[in-house]
Amino acid sequence: HEASETLPDADIIIHPRVPEGHYPFGELAGVGVAFKLAHALLGDVPEELFEYVAVGTIADLVPLVGENRYLVKRGLKSLKASANPWVHALCQISGATQKEINEETVGFYFGPRLNAIGRLGDAMPGVEFLLSEDVETATIFAKQLNEKNQERKAIVDEITKQAIEQIESNEQMKQALVHVIAGEGWNAGVVGIVASRLVEKYYRPTIVLAIDREKGIAKGSGRSIEGFHLFAELSKNREILPHFGGHPMAAGMSLPKENLQLLRRQLNENCTLTDDDMVEKISIDIAMPIQYISEAFINELKVLEPFGNGN
């Protein structure tokens, strides 16, 4: 996450961009920062942690360039040969082949299952799963993760359906440049996924919030598009947003529910997106004649792996 203008009153702050320019690579995921801290404390590279760093870095959708690419490359290599029971159990439950684990396996099979348990409740079973010392225990936890992931999918589908109905039934909301959608009884742990789905459908910066009537707060997540720095835009609304954090493309936040309409209005009034910004663009580096595509070429392309965000 981006560091705010005002830093916390802490004895120690460990952040790749604080102070600015002090560390040569500012794109580390939280798991990458934890890995570097472990390295510093141990005085040696903790090779046994590479596989965890790979999973966290891919799942966190940070750019797979520079140091992140190196960490993921090393981690994927470790995962393919890992004797850790959780790797075996996760492959089994998701239908993956351990020797063929790549960034897609982690992003689409491992990440969602590890994420689901914490999104729907206590994340501790996920931690215990990663610390399993035998295959039997790991398999029990893997099944639990899998069930939670199925439950998470159903909840996301239902909230997405309700959110789309909310947008389509309100002309003003439909025409808005920034979508701010909220609902009572929604699960705050999965609304970020819903926001991603709505960005795919409407290609608008989107914030989805779960309203807790008893506490009087709205809590949720936002996802953005190119050209709309979500963290910077939220920073302009600090007076009505007591808690928020994130980066240009994603953020989490909570606010008093009575501030919802004001946040929606201010984000839209200050929005400088143009019609051109609202059209999703696909970057094509080069047009390549079909005769160039050979088995040898495809094998050469693999040198550039792992692919993903930014690469």
Protein backbone atom coordinates (compact mmCIF):
# COMPACT_ATOMS: atom_id res chain seq x y z
CA HIS A 1 0.00 0.00 0.00
CA GLU A 2 0.99 3.59 -0.59
CA ALA A 3 2.40 5.45 2.41
CA SER A 4 0.20 8.37 3.46
CA GLU A 5 1.56 11.91 3.68
CA THR A 6 1.42 11.60 7.47
CA LEU A 7 3.32 8.53 8.63
CA PRO A 8 2.22 6.53 11.69
CA ASP A 9 3.81 7.44 15.02
CA ALA A 10 5.90 4.24 15.17
CA ASP A 11 9.36 3.29 16.40
CA ILE A 12 10.07 1.45 13.14
CA ILE A 13 8.45 1.72 9.71
CA ILE A 14 9.44 -0.85 7.10
CA HIS A 15 8.19 0.13 3.65
CA PRO A 16 10.02 -0.11 0.30
CA ARG A 17 9.12 3.52 -0.52
CA VAL A 18 9.86 5.06 2.90
CA PRO A 19 12.02 7.06 2.80
CA GLU A 20 11.55 7.74 -0.92
CA GLY A 21 14.36 6.31 -3.04
CA HIS A 22 16.09 4.60 -0.10
CA TYR A 23 15.26 1.10 -1.33
CA PRO A 24 15.83 0.36 -5.03
CA PHE A 25 12.53 -1.48 -5.69
CA GLY A 26 9.28 0.03 -4.47
CA GLU A 27 6.84 -2.57 -5.81
CA LEU A 28 7.26 -5.31 -3.18
CA ALA A 29 4.07 -6.93 -1.91
CA GLY A 30 3.55 -7.17 1.84
CA VAL A 31 4.82 -10.75 1.69
CA GLY A 32 7.98 -9.47 -0.04
CA VAL A 33 8.58 -6.98 2.77
CA ALA A 34 8.11 -9.78 5.34
CA PHE A 35 10.61 -11.93 3.40
CA LYS A 36 13.21 -9.14 3.37
CA LEU A 37 12.70 -8.62 7.10
CA ALA A 38 13.21 -12.37 7.70
CA HIS A 39 16.38 -12.20 5.59
CA ALA A 40 17.70 -9.30 7.69
CA LEU A 41 16.86 -10.97 11.01
CA LEU A 42 18.33 -14.34 10.04
CA GLY A 43 21.39 -12.89 8.34
CA ASP A 44 20.95 -15.30 5.44
CA VAL A 45 18.46 -15.80 2.59
CA PRO A 46 15.58 -17.93 3.98
CA GLU A 47 15.33 -20.21 0.94
CA GLU A 48 12.56 -22.26 2.58
CA LEU A 49 10.27 -19.20 2.38
CA PHE A 50 10.50 -18.62 -1.39
CA GLU A 51 7.37 -20.68 -2.13
CA TYR A 52 5.27 -18.61 0.30
CA VAL A 53 6.61 -15.37 -1.21
CA ALA A 54 5.67 -16.56 -4.70
CA VAL A 55 2.08 -17.33 -3.66
CA GLY A 56 1.65 -14.00 -1.86
CA THR A 57 3.28 -11.91 -4.58
CA ILE A 58 1.16 -13.40 -7.37
CA ALA A 59 -2.06 -13.27 -5.35
CA ASP A 60 -1.42 -9.62 -4.39
CA LEU A 61 -1.33 -8.62 -8.08
CA VAL A 62 1.79 -6.48 -7.74
CA PRO A 63 3.82 -5.98 -10.95
CA LEU A 64 5.82 -9.12 -11.80
CA VAL A 65 8.93 -7.16 -12.72
CA GLY A 66 12.30 -6.54 -11.07
CA GLU A 67 12.69 -8.12 -7.66
CA ASN A 68 9.11 -9.43 -7.65
CA ARG A 69 9.78 -11.40 -10.81
CA TYR A 70 12.92 -12.89 -9.28
CA LEU A 71 11.11 -13.85 -6.04
CA VAL A 72 8.25 -15.47 -7.96
CA LYS A 73 10.60 -17.30 -10.33
CA ARG A 74 12.54 -18.76 -7.39
CA GLY A 75 9.31 -19.54 -5.54
CA LEU A 76 7.69 -21.38 -8.44
CA LYS A 77 10.82 -23.51 -8.79
CA SER A 78 10.58 -24.35 -5.06
CA LEU A 79 6.87 -25.17 -5.29
CA LYS A 80 7.45 -27.67 -8.09
CA ALA A 81 9.88 -29.64 -5.91
CA SER A 82 8.38 -28.88 -2.48
CA ALA A 83 7.93 -31.64 0.08
CA ASN A 84 5.59 -29.44 2.14
CA PRO A 85 2.29 -31.32 2.74
CA TRP A 86 0.19 -28.22 1.97
CA VAL A 87 1.55 -28.01 -1.59
CA HIS A 88 0.68 -31.66 -2.25
CA ALA A 89 -2.81 -31.27 -0.70
CA LEU A 90 -3.57 -28.04 -2.59
CA CYS A 91 -2.56 -29.62 -5.89
CA GLN A 92 -4.77 -32.61 -5.17
CA ILE A 93 -7.85 -30.58 -4.18
CA SER A 94 -7.53 -28.13 -7.11
CA GLY A 95 -6.60 -30.70 -9.79
CA ALA A 96 -3.15 -29.21 -10.39
CA THR A 97 0.02 -31.16 -11.18
CA GLN A 98 2.86 -30.21 -8.84
CA LYS A 99 5.63 -30.51 -11.41
CA GLU A 100 3.72 -28.14 -13.72
CA ILE A 101 2.96 -25.39 -11.16
CA ASN A 102 3.27 -21.94 -12.74
CA GLU A 103 1.95 -18.43 -12.10
CA GLU A 104 -1.50 -19.40 -13.41
CA THR A 105 -1.72 -22.34 -10.98
CA VAL A 106 -1.00 -19.98 -8.09
CA GLY A 107 -3.21 -17.13 -9.36
CA PHE A 108 -6.28 -19.16 -10.27
CA TYR A 109 -6.10 -22.31 -8.13
CA PHE A 110 -4.02 -21.69 -5.00
CA GLY A 111 -4.64 -17.99 -4.31
CA PRO A 112 -8.46 -18.03 -4.31
CA ARG A 113 -8.61 -21.03 -1.97
CA LEU A 114 -6.14 -19.55 0.50
CA ASN A 115 -7.94 -16.21 0.30
CA ALA A 116 -11.49 -17.50 0.76
CA ILE A 117 -11.06 -18.75 4.33
CA GLY A 118 -10.06 -15.31 5.63
CA ARG A 119 -12.63 -13.46 3.54
CA LEU A 120 -15.49 -15.42 5.08
CA GLY A 121 -14.24 -15.52 8.66
CA ASP A 122 -11.17 -16.39 10.70
CA ALA A 123 -8.02 -16.83 8.59
CA MET A 124 -6.33 -19.06 11.16
CA PRO A 125 -7.29 -22.39 9.46
CA GLY A 126 -5.38 -21.11 6.41
CA VAL A 127 -2.30 -20.47 8.56
CA GLU A 128 -2.60 -23.91 10.18
CA PHE A 129 -2.93 -25.42 6.70
CA LEU A 130 0.34 -23.83 5.58
CA LEU A 131 2.02 -25.13 8.76
CA SER A 132 0.68 -28.72 8.38
CA GLU A 133 3.32 -31.32 9.12
CA ASP A 134 1.64 -34.30 7.46
CA VAL A 135 -0.45 -34.92 4.34
CA GLU A 136 -3.50 -36.18 6.28
CA THR A 137 -3.82 -32.94 8.28
CA ALA A 138 -3.09 -30.83 5.20
CA THR A 139 -5.78 -32.69 3.22
CA ILE A 140 -8.42 -32.01 5.91
CA PHE A 141 -7.59 -28.30 5.83
CA ALA A 142 -7.44 -28.28 2.00
CA LYS A 143 -11.00 -29.64 1.86
CA GLN A 144 -12.10 -26.92 4.27
CA LEU A 145 -10.43 -24.28 2.08
CA ASN A 146 -12.11 -25.72 -0.99
CA GLU A 147 -15.56 -25.66 0.64
CA LYS A 148 -15.05 -22.06 1.73
CA ASN A 149 -14.01 -21.13 -1.79
CA GLN A 150 -17.24 -22.63 -3.20
CA GLU A 151 -19.21 -20.72 -0.55
CA ARG A 152 -17.31 -17.54 -1.42
CA LYS A 153 -18.17 -17.95 -5.14
CA ALA A 154 -21.89 -18.24 -4.37
CA ILE A 155 -21.83 -15.16 -2.11
CA VAL A 156 -19.90 -13.13 -4.73
CA ASP A 157 -22.38 -14.15 -7.46
CA GLU A 158 -25.36 -13.04 -5.35
CA ILE A 159 -23.85 -9.68 -4.30
CA THR A 160 -22.73 -8.99 -7.90
CA LYS A 161 -26.29 -9.66 -9.10
CA GLN A 162 -27.73 -7.26 -6.50
CA ALA A 163 -25.11 -4.60 -7.30
CA ILE A 164 -25.87 -4.77 -11.05
CA GLU A 165 -29.59 -4.44 -10.30
CA GLN A 166 -28.80 -1.36 -8.17
CA ILE A 167 -26.85 0.27 -11.04
CA GLU A 168 -29.29 -0.66 -13.82
CA SER A 169 -32.37 0.55 -11.92
CA ASN A 170 -30.92 4.01 -11.24
CA GLU A 171 -30.20 6.18 -14.27
CA GLN A 172 -28.01 8.62 -12.33
CA MET A 173 -25.91 5.77 -10.95
CA LYS A 174 -25.75 4.17 -14.39
CA GLN A 175 -24.32 7.36 -15.91
CA ALA A 176 -21.85 8.01 -13.06
CA LEU A 177 -18.14 8.02 -13.91
CA VAL A 178 -17.32 6.47 -10.52
CA HIS A 179 -19.59 3.75 -9.14
CA VAL A 180 -20.10 3.73 -5.37
CA ILE A 181 -22.46 0.88 -4.47
CA ALA A 182 -23.54 -0.25 -1.02
CA GLY A 183 -25.85 -2.85 0.47
CA GLU A 184 -26.95 -4.02 3.89
CA GLY A 185 -26.07 -7.58 4.82
CA TRP A 186 -23.31 -7.90 2.23
CA ASN A 187 -20.15 -9.71 3.28
CA ALA A 188 -17.40 -7.09 3.60
CA GLY A 189 -14.74 -9.75 2.99
CA VAL A 190 -15.75 -10.40 -0.62
CA VAL A 191 -16.87 -6.99 -1.89
CA GLY A 192 -13.44 -6.35 -3.44
CA ILE A 193 -14.04 -9.30 -5.78
CA VAL A 194 -17.47 -7.87 -6.60
CA ALA A 195 -15.85 -4.50 -7.38
CA SER A 196 -13.45 -6.24 -9.79
CA ARG A 197 -16.39 -7.91 -11.55
CA LEU A 198 -18.20 -4.60 -11.92
CA VAL A 199 -15.07 -2.92 -13.32
CA GLU A 200 -14.92 -5.73 -15.92
CA LYS A 201 -18.58 -5.14 -16.84
CA TYR A 202 -18.78 -1.32 -16.82
CA TYR A 203 -15.11 -0.24 -16.96
CA ARG A 204 -15.60 2.43 -14.29
CA PRO A 205 -13.69 2.96 -11.02
CA THR A 206 -15.88 1.07 -8.56
CA ILE A 207 -16.27 1.01 -4.79
CA VAL A 208 -18.48 -1.65 -3.18
CA LEU A 209 -19.39 -1.29 0.50
CA ALA A 210 -21.15 -3.49 3.03
CA ILE A 211 -23.39 -1.51 5.39
CA ASP A 212 -23.47 -2.53 9.04
CA ARG A 213 -26.67 -0.89 10.31
CA GLU A 214 -25.94 -1.60 14.01
CA LYS A 215 -22.47 -0.03 13.92
CA GLY A 216 -23.54 2.67 11.49
CA ILE A 217 -20.56 2.11 9.19
CA ALA A 218 -19.97 1.10 5.59
CA LYS A 219 -16.89 -1.03 4.96
CA GLY A 220 -15.52 -2.29 1.68
CA SER A 221 -13.12 -2.12 -1.22
CA GLY A 222 -12.56 -0.29 -4.46
CA ARG A 223 -11.00 -1.24 -7.79
CA SER A 224 -9.90 1.27 -10.40
CA ILE A 225 -9.01 1.69 -14.07
CA GLU A 226 -5.98 3.24 -15.78
CA GLY A 227 -6.04 7.02 -15.40
CA PHE A 228 -7.83 7.07 -12.04
CA HIS A 229 -5.43 6.93 -9.06
CA LEU A 230 -7.83 5.50 -6.51
CA PHE A 231 -5.67 6.11 -3.43
CA ALA A 232 -4.99 9.73 -4.45
CA GLU A 233 -8.70 10.38 -5.11
CA LEU A 234 -9.70 8.90 -1.76
CA SER A 235 -7.01 11.04 -0.09
CA LYS A 236 -8.89 14.14 -1.24
CA ASN A 237 -11.84 12.98 0.90
CA ARG A 238 -10.03 12.38 4.20
CA GLU A 239 -12.54 14.49 6.11
CA ILE A 240 -15.33 11.96 5.44
CA LEU A 241 -13.11 8.85 5.20
CA PRO A 242 -11.61 8.10 8.61
CA HIS A 243 -10.00 4.81 7.52
CA PHE A 244 -8.62 3.92 4.09
CA GLY A 245 -5.51 2.54 2.46
CA GLY A 246 -4.37 1.19 -0.86
CA HIS A 247 -2.64 2.08 -4.11
CA PRO A 248 -3.57 3.43 -7.58
CA MET A 249 -5.66 0.41 -8.63
CA ALA A 250 -7.19 -0.87 -5.38
CA ALA A 251 -8.12 0.33 -1.90
CA GLY A 252 -9.94 -0.67 1.25
CA MET A 253 -11.95 1.71 3.42
CA SER A 254 -14.59 2.24 6.09
CA LEU A 255 -16.73 5.32 6.75
CA PRO A 256 -19.91 6.37 8.59
CA LYS A 257 -22.85 5.24 6.45
CA GLU A 258 -24.31 8.75 6.46
CA ASN A 259 -21.22 9.88 4.46
CA LEU A 260 -21.93 7.48 1.60
CA GLN A 261 -23.88 9.91 -0.60
CA LEU A 262 -21.30 12.63 -0.01
CA LEU A 263 -18.42 10.32 -0.99
CA ARG A 264 -20.28 9.28 -4.15
CA ARG A 265 -20.97 12.92 -5.06
CA GLN A 266 -17.46 14.20 -4.36
CA LEU A 267 -15.69 11.39 -6.22
CA ASN A 268 -17.85 12.05 -9.28
CA GLU A 269 -17.66 15.85 -9.13
CA ASN A 270 -13.86 15.76 -8.90
CA CYS A 271 -13.46 13.04 -11.52
CA THR A 272 -11.42 14.12 -14.55
CA LEU A 273 -11.83 10.93 -16.61
CA THR A 274 -12.55 11.51 -20.31
CA ASP A 275 -14.62 9.38 -22.71
CA ASP A 276 -11.35 8.00 -24.03
CA ASP A 277 -10.32 6.92 -20.52
CA MET A 278 -13.56 4.94 -20.18
CA VAL A 279 -12.64 2.60 -23.03
CA GLU A 280 -10.50 -0.34 -22.01
CA LYS A 281 -7.32 -0.56 -24.02
CA ILE A 282 -5.33 -3.62 -24.99
CA SER A 283 -1.64 -2.96 -25.53
CA ILE A 284 -0.15 -4.85 -28.46
CA ASP A 285 3.63 -4.64 -28.58
CA ILE A 286 4.07 -5.94 -32.11
CA ALA A 287 2.04 -7.53 -34.91
CA MET A 288 3.65 -10.88 -35.69
CA PRO A 289 3.22 -12.94 -38.88
CA ILE A 290 1.79 -16.39 -38.13
CA GLN A 291 4.78 -18.13 -39.72
CA TYR A 292 6.99 -16.78 -36.90
CA ILE A 293 5.09 -18.88 -34.35
CA SER A 294 6.96 -22.14 -34.02
CA GLU A 295 7.58 -24.61 -31.23
CA ALA A 296 11.10 -23.18 -30.82
CA PHE A 297 9.68 -19.64 -30.53
CA ILE A 298 7.16 -20.70 -27.88
CA ASN A 299 9.94 -22.36 -25.89
CA GLU A 300 12.01 -19.17 -26.15
CA LEU A 301 9.06 -17.14 -24.83
CA LYS A 302 9.11 -19.23 -21.66
CA VAL A 303 12.40 -17.55 -20.72
CA LEU A 304 10.36 -14.41 -20.02
CA GLU A 305 8.10 -16.16 -17.46
CA PRO A 306 6.56 -15.68 -14.96
CA PHE A 307 3.93 -13.65 -16.81
CA GLY A 308 1.29 -11.57 -15.10
CA ASN A 309 0.61 -8.03 -13.94
CA GLY A 310 3.20 -5.70 -15.48
CA ASN A 311 5.00 -8.44 -17.43
